[in-house]
Amino acid sequence: MNIKADTKGQKFFTIGKVSGLADVNRETLRYYEREGIIDKPQKNDSGYRIYPPETVKQIRFIKRAQQLGFSLKEITELMALQNDAQNATCHDVKQYAVDKVNTMEQKIEDLKQMRSRLLELIASCDEEKSLDTCPILDAFGEETNYED
């Protein structure tokens, strides 16, 4: 079974068990360890990584936060707030969510503008013309004034 116990009776999982339960691959776990997003696991007498059950919860937290658009840096900050329940408040977490929504709204506006411009270029494209007069390629090569 991929569960080990230490001398105090606490259960630990192997990397394979954690990756299966958290639905991530082993390299993801190793990456999170290297980046300090999760604690480095203990190693058993054979040198294999062994993780406490809380690691599965942490990984699931990370994956759900990523699905909502949070970066790993932001998730690390949110986890730090969660671990500082004495000083942090729900308001602190809410501010992260508000900031994320504001960022998303700006990205949506930027995407709408890009879409609109691209649709204009598509509409102006005469498929029968040669590439040297293609308005789409011309737009990509337009000169921009760079001012210091």
N, C-alpha and C. Protein backbone atom coordinates (compact mmCIF):
# COMPACT_ATOMS: atom_id res chain seq x y z
N MET A 1 0.84 -1.17 0.00
CA MET A 1 0.00 0.00 0.00
C MET A 1 0.89 1.23 0.00
N ASN A 2 1.07 2.21 -0.29
CA ASN A 2 2.01 3.31 -0.27
C ASN A 2 1.92 4.18 0.99
N ILE A 3 1.59 3.57 2.12
CA ILE A 3 1.50 4.33 3.35
C ILE A 3 2.53 3.80 4.32
N LYS A 4 3.27 4.67 4.92
CA LYS A 4 4.28 4.31 5.90
C LYS A 4 3.91 4.97 7.22
N ALA A 5 4.45 4.47 8.31
CA ALA A 5 4.21 5.10 9.61
C ALA A 5 5.54 5.35 10.29
N ASP A 6 5.62 6.48 10.98
CA ASP A 6 6.84 6.74 11.73
C ASP A 6 6.73 6.08 13.10
N THR A 7 7.72 6.30 13.92
CA THR A 7 7.73 5.65 15.22
C THR A 7 6.66 6.19 16.14
N LYS A 8 6.11 7.34 15.86
CA LYS A 8 5.04 7.92 16.68
C LYS A 8 3.66 7.51 16.19
N GLY A 9 3.61 6.72 15.17
CA GLY A 9 2.33 6.24 14.64
C GLY A 9 1.69 7.15 13.61
N GLN A 10 2.30 8.30 13.30
CA GLN A 10 1.73 9.17 12.28
C GLN A 10 1.93 8.54 10.91
N LYS A 11 0.91 8.63 10.08
CA LYS A 11 1.00 8.03 8.75
C LYS A 11 1.62 9.01 7.77
N PHE A 12 2.39 8.48 6.84
CA PHE A 12 3.01 9.25 5.78
C PHE A 12 2.73 8.56 4.46
N PHE A 13 2.67 9.34 3.40
CA PHE A 13 2.44 8.80 2.07
C PHE A 13 3.70 8.91 1.23
N THR A 14 3.85 7.97 0.32
CA THR A 14 4.94 8.06 -0.65
C THR A 14 4.55 9.09 -1.71
N ILE A 15 5.51 9.47 -2.52
CA ILE A 15 5.26 10.47 -3.56
C ILE A 15 4.21 9.95 -4.56
N GLY A 16 4.23 8.66 -4.83
CA GLY A 16 3.25 8.09 -5.74
C GLY A 16 1.84 8.18 -5.21
N LYS A 17 1.69 7.93 -3.91
CA LYS A 17 0.37 8.00 -3.28
C LYS A 17 -0.14 9.44 -3.26
N VAL A 18 0.73 10.39 -2.90
CA VAL A 18 0.33 11.79 -2.86
C VAL A 18 -0.05 12.27 -4.26
N SER A 19 0.76 11.93 -5.24
CA SER A 19 0.46 12.39 -6.60
C SER A 19 -0.86 11.81 -7.08
N GLY A 20 -1.15 10.56 -6.73
CA GLY A 20 -2.42 9.95 -7.11
C GLY A 20 -3.60 10.59 -6.41
N LEU A 21 -3.49 10.80 -5.11
CA LEU A 21 -4.58 11.39 -4.34
C LEU A 21 -4.84 12.84 -4.72
N ALA A 22 -3.78 13.57 -5.05
CA ALA A 22 -3.91 14.99 -5.39
C ALA A 22 -4.10 15.20 -6.88
N ASP A 23 -4.00 14.15 -7.66
CA ASP A 23 -4.17 14.20 -9.11
C ASP A 23 -3.17 15.15 -9.79
N VAL A 24 -1.90 14.99 -9.40
CA VAL A 24 -0.80 15.71 -10.04
C VAL A 24 0.31 14.70 -10.28
N ASN A 25 1.23 15.05 -11.16
CA ASN A 25 2.33 14.12 -11.38
C ASN A 25 3.45 14.36 -10.36
N ARG A 26 4.34 13.44 -10.29
CA ARG A 26 5.43 13.51 -9.30
C ARG A 26 6.31 14.72 -9.53
N GLU A 27 6.54 15.08 -10.78
CA GLU A 27 7.38 16.24 -11.07
C GLU A 27 6.75 17.53 -10.53
N THR A 28 5.44 17.59 -10.54
CA THR A 28 4.76 18.76 -9.98
C THR A 28 5.07 18.87 -8.49
N LEU A 29 4.99 17.75 -7.79
CA LEU A 29 5.33 17.75 -6.36
C LEU A 29 6.77 18.19 -6.14
N ARG A 30 7.66 17.66 -6.91
CA ARG A 30 9.07 18.02 -6.77
C ARG A 30 9.29 19.51 -7.06
N TYR A 31 8.58 20.01 -8.06
CA TYR A 31 8.67 21.43 -8.40
C TYR A 31 8.18 22.28 -7.23
N TYR A 32 7.02 21.93 -6.66
CA TYR A 32 6.48 22.68 -5.53
C TYR A 32 7.47 22.66 -4.35
N GLU A 33 8.14 21.55 -4.15
CA GLU A 33 9.15 21.46 -3.09
C GLU A 33 10.32 22.40 -3.38
N ARG A 34 10.85 22.34 -4.61
CA ARG A 34 11.99 23.19 -4.98
C ARG A 34 11.67 24.66 -4.82
N GLU A 35 10.44 25.03 -5.18
CA GLU A 35 10.03 26.43 -5.13
C GLU A 35 9.59 26.87 -3.74
N GLY A 36 9.53 25.94 -2.81
CA GLY A 36 9.14 26.27 -1.44
C GLY A 36 7.65 26.47 -1.26
N ILE A 37 6.86 26.00 -2.21
CA ILE A 37 5.40 26.15 -2.12
C ILE A 37 4.85 25.16 -1.10
N ILE A 38 5.43 23.98 -1.06
CA ILE A 38 5.12 23.02 -0.01
C ILE A 38 6.43 22.68 0.71
N ASP A 39 6.29 22.22 1.94
CA ASP A 39 7.48 21.84 2.71
C ASP A 39 8.16 20.64 2.09
N LYS A 40 9.46 20.63 2.21
CA LYS A 40 10.20 19.46 1.76
C LYS A 40 9.81 18.30 2.68
N PRO A 41 9.58 17.14 2.10
CA PRO A 41 9.16 16.01 2.93
C PRO A 41 10.34 15.40 3.69
N GLN A 42 9.97 14.63 4.67
CA GLN A 42 10.98 13.83 5.36
C GLN A 42 11.38 12.70 4.42
N LYS A 43 12.46 12.04 4.76
CA LYS A 43 12.85 10.86 4.01
C LYS A 43 12.89 9.68 4.97
N ASN A 44 12.49 8.54 4.47
CA ASN A 44 12.53 7.36 5.31
C ASN A 44 13.95 6.78 5.32
N ASP A 45 14.12 5.68 6.01
CA ASP A 45 15.45 5.08 6.13
C ASP A 45 16.05 4.70 4.78
N SER A 46 15.20 4.45 3.80
CA SER A 46 15.67 4.07 2.47
C SER A 46 15.95 5.29 1.59
N GLY A 47 15.66 6.49 2.11
CA GLY A 47 15.91 7.71 1.35
C GLY A 47 14.75 8.17 0.50
N TYR A 48 13.61 7.49 0.62
CA TYR A 48 12.43 7.89 -0.15
C TYR A 48 11.68 9.01 0.55
N ARG A 49 11.11 9.92 -0.25
CA ARG A 49 10.30 10.99 0.30
C ARG A 49 9.04 10.40 0.93
N ILE A 50 8.71 10.92 2.10
CA ILE A 50 7.44 10.53 2.73
C ILE A 50 6.73 11.80 3.17
N TYR A 51 5.46 11.89 2.82
CA TYR A 51 4.69 13.10 3.02
C TYR A 51 3.59 12.89 4.05
N PRO A 52 3.33 13.91 4.86
CA PRO A 52 2.18 13.82 5.77
C PRO A 52 0.89 13.99 4.96
N PRO A 53 -0.22 13.49 5.48
CA PRO A 53 -1.50 13.61 4.75
C PRO A 53 -1.88 15.05 4.41
N GLU A 54 -1.42 16.02 5.19
CA GLU A 54 -1.75 17.43 4.92
C GLU A 54 -1.23 17.88 3.56
N THR A 55 -0.21 17.21 3.06
CA THR A 55 0.34 17.60 1.76
C THR A 55 -0.71 17.45 0.66
N VAL A 56 -1.52 16.41 0.75
CA VAL A 56 -2.56 16.20 -0.25
C VAL A 56 -3.53 17.38 -0.22
N LYS A 57 -3.91 17.83 0.97
CA LYS A 57 -4.81 18.98 1.09
C LYS A 57 -4.17 20.24 0.50
N GLN A 58 -2.88 20.43 0.77
CA GLN A 58 -2.18 21.59 0.23
C GLN A 58 -2.17 21.57 -1.29
N ILE A 59 -1.88 20.42 -1.87
CA ILE A 59 -1.82 20.32 -3.33
C ILE A 59 -3.19 20.58 -3.94
N ARG A 60 -4.23 20.03 -3.33
CA ARG A 60 -5.58 20.28 -3.84
C ARG A 60 -5.94 21.76 -3.74
N PHE A 61 -5.55 22.40 -2.65
CA PHE A 61 -5.75 23.85 -2.47
C PHE A 61 -5.06 24.60 -3.61
N ILE A 62 -3.82 24.26 -3.87
CA ILE A 62 -3.04 24.91 -4.93
C ILE A 62 -3.72 24.74 -6.28
N LYS A 63 -4.13 23.52 -6.60
CA LYS A 63 -4.75 23.26 -7.91
C LYS A 63 -6.07 24.00 -8.06
N ARG A 64 -6.88 24.04 -7.01
CA ARG A 64 -8.16 24.77 -7.10
C ARG A 64 -7.92 26.26 -7.26
N ALA A 65 -6.95 26.80 -6.54
CA ALA A 65 -6.64 28.23 -6.67
C ALA A 65 -6.12 28.54 -8.08
N GLN A 66 -5.32 27.63 -8.64
CA GLN A 66 -4.85 27.83 -10.02
C GLN A 66 -6.02 27.84 -11.00
N GLN A 67 -6.98 26.97 -10.77
CA GLN A 67 -8.15 26.92 -11.65
C GLN A 67 -8.93 28.24 -11.63
N LEU A 68 -8.80 28.98 -10.54
CA LEU A 68 -9.47 30.27 -10.43
C LEU A 68 -8.58 31.42 -10.90
N GLY A 69 -7.41 31.07 -11.44
CA GLY A 69 -6.57 32.08 -12.06
C GLY A 69 -5.43 32.61 -11.21
N PHE A 70 -5.25 32.11 -10.01
CA PHE A 70 -4.17 32.60 -9.16
C PHE A 70 -2.84 32.00 -9.59
N SER A 71 -1.81 32.81 -9.56
CA SER A 71 -0.45 32.34 -9.87
C SER A 71 0.11 31.60 -8.66
N LEU A 72 1.19 30.87 -8.87
CA LEU A 72 1.81 30.17 -7.76
C LEU A 72 2.33 31.14 -6.70
N LYS A 73 2.81 32.30 -7.14
CA LYS A 73 3.26 33.31 -6.18
C LYS A 73 2.09 33.78 -5.32
N GLU A 74 0.96 34.06 -5.95
CA GLU A 74 -0.22 34.49 -5.21
C GLU A 74 -0.73 33.40 -4.29
N ILE A 75 -0.68 32.17 -4.76
CA ILE A 75 -1.14 31.04 -3.95
C ILE A 75 -0.24 30.88 -2.73
N THR A 76 1.06 31.05 -2.91
CA THR A 76 1.99 30.97 -1.79
C THR A 76 1.64 32.04 -0.76
N GLU A 77 1.33 33.24 -1.23
CA GLU A 77 0.94 34.33 -0.33
C GLU A 77 -0.37 34.02 0.39
N LEU A 78 -1.32 33.44 -0.33
CA LEU A 78 -2.60 33.06 0.29
C LEU A 78 -2.38 31.97 1.35
N MET A 79 -1.52 31.03 1.04
CA MET A 79 -1.23 29.96 2.01
C MET A 79 -0.55 30.54 3.25
N ALA A 80 0.30 31.54 3.06
CA ALA A 80 0.94 32.20 4.19
C ALA A 80 -0.10 32.89 5.06
N LEU A 81 -1.07 33.55 4.42
CA LEU A 81 -2.16 34.17 5.18
C LEU A 81 -2.94 33.10 5.96
N GLN A 82 -3.21 32.00 5.30
CA GLN A 82 -3.97 30.92 5.93
C GLN A 82 -3.22 30.38 7.16
N ASN A 83 -1.91 30.35 7.06
CA ASN A 83 -1.11 29.85 8.18
C ASN A 83 -0.90 30.89 9.27
N ASP A 84 -1.31 32.13 9.00
CA ASP A 84 -1.16 33.21 9.97
C ASP A 84 -2.54 33.65 10.46
N ALA A 85 -3.35 32.69 10.86
CA ALA A 85 -4.73 32.96 11.26
C ALA A 85 -4.82 33.92 12.44
N GLN A 86 -3.76 34.07 13.21
CA GLN A 86 -3.77 34.99 14.35
C GLN A 86 -3.81 36.44 13.89
N ASN A 87 -3.12 36.73 12.78
CA ASN A 87 -2.99 38.12 12.34
C ASN A 87 -3.76 38.44 11.06
N ALA A 88 -3.99 37.47 10.22
CA ALA A 88 -4.68 37.70 8.96
C ALA A 88 -6.19 37.59 9.16
N THR A 89 -6.92 38.26 8.27
CA THR A 89 -8.38 38.21 8.34
C THR A 89 -8.95 37.80 6.99
N CYS A 90 -10.22 37.55 7.00
CA CYS A 90 -10.92 37.22 5.75
C CYS A 90 -10.82 38.40 4.78
N HIS A 91 -10.78 39.60 5.31
CA HIS A 91 -10.62 40.79 4.46
C HIS A 91 -9.34 40.71 3.63
N ASP A 92 -8.27 40.22 4.25
CA ASP A 92 -7.00 40.09 3.53
C ASP A 92 -7.14 39.15 2.34
N VAL A 93 -7.81 38.04 2.54
CA VAL A 93 -8.02 37.07 1.46
C VAL A 93 -8.97 37.65 0.42
N LYS A 94 -10.00 38.32 0.87
CA LYS A 94 -10.95 38.93 -0.05
C LYS A 94 -10.24 39.92 -0.97
N GLN A 95 -9.28 40.67 -0.44
CA GLN A 95 -8.56 41.65 -1.25
C GLN A 95 -7.80 40.96 -2.39
N TYR A 96 -7.22 39.78 -2.11
CA TYR A 96 -6.57 39.02 -3.18
C TYR A 96 -7.57 38.67 -4.27
N ALA A 97 -8.76 38.24 -3.85
CA ALA A 97 -9.79 37.86 -4.83
C ALA A 97 -10.26 39.07 -5.63
N VAL A 98 -10.45 40.19 -4.97
CA VAL A 98 -10.87 41.42 -5.66
C VAL A 98 -9.80 41.84 -6.67
N ASP A 99 -8.56 41.82 -6.24
CA ASP A 99 -7.46 42.18 -7.15
C ASP A 99 -7.41 41.25 -8.35
N LYS A 100 -7.65 39.96 -8.12
CA LYS A 100 -7.62 38.98 -9.21
C LYS A 100 -8.76 39.27 -10.19
N VAL A 101 -9.94 39.57 -9.70
CA VAL A 101 -11.07 39.89 -10.58
C VAL A 101 -10.75 41.14 -11.40
N ASN A 102 -10.17 42.15 -10.76
CA ASN A 102 -9.81 43.38 -11.49
C ASN A 102 -8.81 43.08 -12.60
N THR A 103 -7.83 42.25 -12.30
CA THR A 103 -6.84 41.85 -13.32
C THR A 103 -7.52 41.10 -14.46
N MET A 104 -8.42 40.21 -14.12
CA MET A 104 -9.15 39.45 -15.14
C MET A 104 -9.97 40.37 -16.03
N GLU A 105 -10.65 41.33 -15.41
CA GLU A 105 -11.47 42.26 -16.19
C GLU A 105 -10.61 43.06 -17.16
N GLN A 106 -9.43 43.47 -16.73
CA GLN A 106 -8.53 44.21 -17.62
C GLN A 106 -8.07 43.32 -18.77
N LYS A 107 -7.76 42.06 -18.47
CA LYS A 107 -7.35 41.12 -19.52
C LYS A 107 -8.49 40.88 -20.50
N ILE A 108 -9.70 40.80 -20.00
CA ILE A 108 -10.86 40.61 -20.87
C ILE A 108 -11.01 41.80 -21.81
N GLU A 109 -10.85 43.01 -21.29
CA GLU A 109 -10.93 44.21 -22.13
C GLU A 109 -9.82 44.21 -23.18
N ASP A 110 -8.61 43.84 -22.76
CA ASP A 110 -7.50 43.78 -23.71
C ASP A 110 -7.78 42.75 -24.80
N LEU A 111 -8.31 41.60 -24.42
CA LEU A 111 -8.64 40.56 -25.40
C LEU A 111 -9.73 41.02 -26.36
N LYS A 112 -10.72 41.74 -25.85
CA LYS A 112 -11.78 42.26 -26.72
C LYS A 112 -11.21 43.22 -27.75
N GLN A 113 -10.28 44.08 -27.32
CA GLN A 113 -9.66 45.02 -28.26
C GLN A 113 -8.82 44.27 -29.30
N MET A 114 -8.08 43.27 -28.88
CA MET A 114 -7.28 42.48 -29.82
C MET A 114 -8.20 41.77 -30.81
N ARG A 115 -9.29 41.21 -30.31
CA ARG A 115 -10.24 40.51 -31.17
C ARG A 115 -10.84 41.47 -32.19
N SER A 116 -11.23 42.65 -31.74
CA SER A 116 -11.82 43.64 -32.63
C SER A 116 -10.85 44.03 -33.73
N ARG A 117 -9.60 44.31 -33.36
CA ARG A 117 -8.59 44.70 -34.35
C ARG A 117 -8.34 43.57 -35.34
N LEU A 118 -8.25 42.35 -34.84
CA LEU A 118 -8.01 41.22 -35.72
C LEU A 118 -9.19 40.99 -36.67
N LEU A 119 -10.41 41.17 -36.19
CA LEU A 119 -11.58 41.04 -37.07
C LEU A 119 -11.56 42.11 -38.16
N GLU A 120 -11.13 43.34 -37.81
CA GLU A 120 -10.99 44.39 -38.83
C GLU A 120 -9.99 43.98 -39.90
N LEU A 121 -8.86 43.43 -39.47
CA LEU A 121 -7.84 42.99 -40.42
C LEU A 121 -8.35 41.85 -41.30
N ILE A 122 -9.08 40.93 -40.70
CA ILE A 122 -9.64 39.81 -41.46
C ILE A 122 -10.61 40.34 -42.52
N ALA A 123 -11.43 41.29 -42.13
CA ALA A 123 -12.41 41.85 -43.07
C ALA A 123 -11.73 42.60 -44.21
N SER A 124 -10.57 43.18 -43.95
CA SER A 124 -9.89 43.95 -45.00
C SER A 124 -9.01 43.08 -45.90
N CYS A 125 -8.94 41.83 -45.60
CA CYS A 125 -8.06 40.93 -46.35
C CYS A 125 -8.74 40.44 -47.64
N ASP A 126 -8.10 40.72 -48.75
CA ASP A 126 -8.55 40.21 -50.04
C ASP A 126 -7.71 38.97 -50.33
N GLU A 127 -8.32 37.82 -50.24
CA GLU A 127 -7.59 36.56 -50.34
C GLU A 127 -6.91 36.37 -51.69
N GLU A 128 -7.33 37.12 -52.69
CA GLU A 128 -6.76 36.97 -54.02
C GLU A 128 -5.45 37.74 -54.19
N LYS A 129 -5.17 38.68 -53.29
CA LYS A 129 -3.97 39.50 -53.42
C LYS A 129 -2.73 38.72 -52.98
N SER A 130 -1.59 39.22 -53.38
CA SER A 130 -0.34 38.56 -53.00
C SER A 130 0.01 38.89 -51.55
N LEU A 131 0.92 38.11 -51.02
CA LEU A 131 1.33 38.29 -49.63
C LEU A 131 1.96 39.66 -49.37
N ASP A 132 2.60 40.24 -50.35
CA ASP A 132 3.26 41.52 -50.12
C ASP A 132 2.26 42.67 -49.95
N THR A 133 0.97 42.41 -50.19
CA THR A 133 -0.05 43.42 -49.93
C THR A 133 -1.07 42.93 -48.89
N CYS A 134 -0.71 41.93 -48.15
CA CYS A 134 -1.62 41.37 -47.14
C CYS A 134 -1.74 42.34 -45.96
N PRO A 135 -2.96 42.83 -45.69
CA PRO A 135 -3.12 43.80 -44.60
C PRO A 135 -2.82 43.21 -43.22
N ILE A 136 -3.00 41.94 -43.06
CA ILE A 136 -2.72 41.31 -41.76
C ILE A 136 -1.22 41.33 -41.50
N LEU A 137 -0.46 40.87 -42.49
CA LEU A 137 1.00 40.88 -42.33
C LEU A 137 1.53 42.31 -42.25
N ASP A 138 0.93 43.21 -43.02
CA ASP A 138 1.35 44.62 -42.96
C ASP A 138 1.15 45.19 -41.56
N ALA A 139 0.03 44.86 -40.93
CA ALA A 139 -0.26 45.36 -39.58
C ALA A 139 0.77 44.85 -38.58
N PHE A 140 1.25 43.62 -38.77
CA PHE A 140 2.25 43.07 -37.87
C PHE A 140 3.58 43.79 -38.03
N GLY A 141 3.84 44.31 -39.19
CA GLY A 141 5.11 44.96 -39.46
C GLY A 141 5.07 46.47 -39.35
N GLU A 142 3.94 47.03 -38.91
CA GLU A 142 3.82 48.48 -38.80
C GLU A 142 4.88 49.05 -37.88
N GLU A 143 5.40 50.19 -38.28
CA GLU A 143 6.40 50.89 -37.46
C GLU A 143 5.72 51.50 -36.25
N THR A 144 6.41 51.45 -35.15
CA THR A 144 5.93 52.08 -33.93
C THR A 144 6.94 53.14 -33.53
N ASN A 145 6.45 54.28 -33.12
CA ASN A 145 7.34 55.34 -32.64
C ASN A 145 7.71 55.04 -31.19
N TYR A 146 8.99 54.88 -30.97
CA TYR A 146 9.47 54.65 -29.62
C TYR A 146 10.09 55.93 -29.12
N GLU A 147 9.49 56.49 -28.11
CA GLU A 147 10.00 57.73 -27.54
C GLU A 147 10.55 57.45 -26.16
N ASP A 148 11.65 58.11 -25.87
CA ASP A 148 12.27 57.92 -24.54
C ASP A 148 11.58 58.74 -23.50
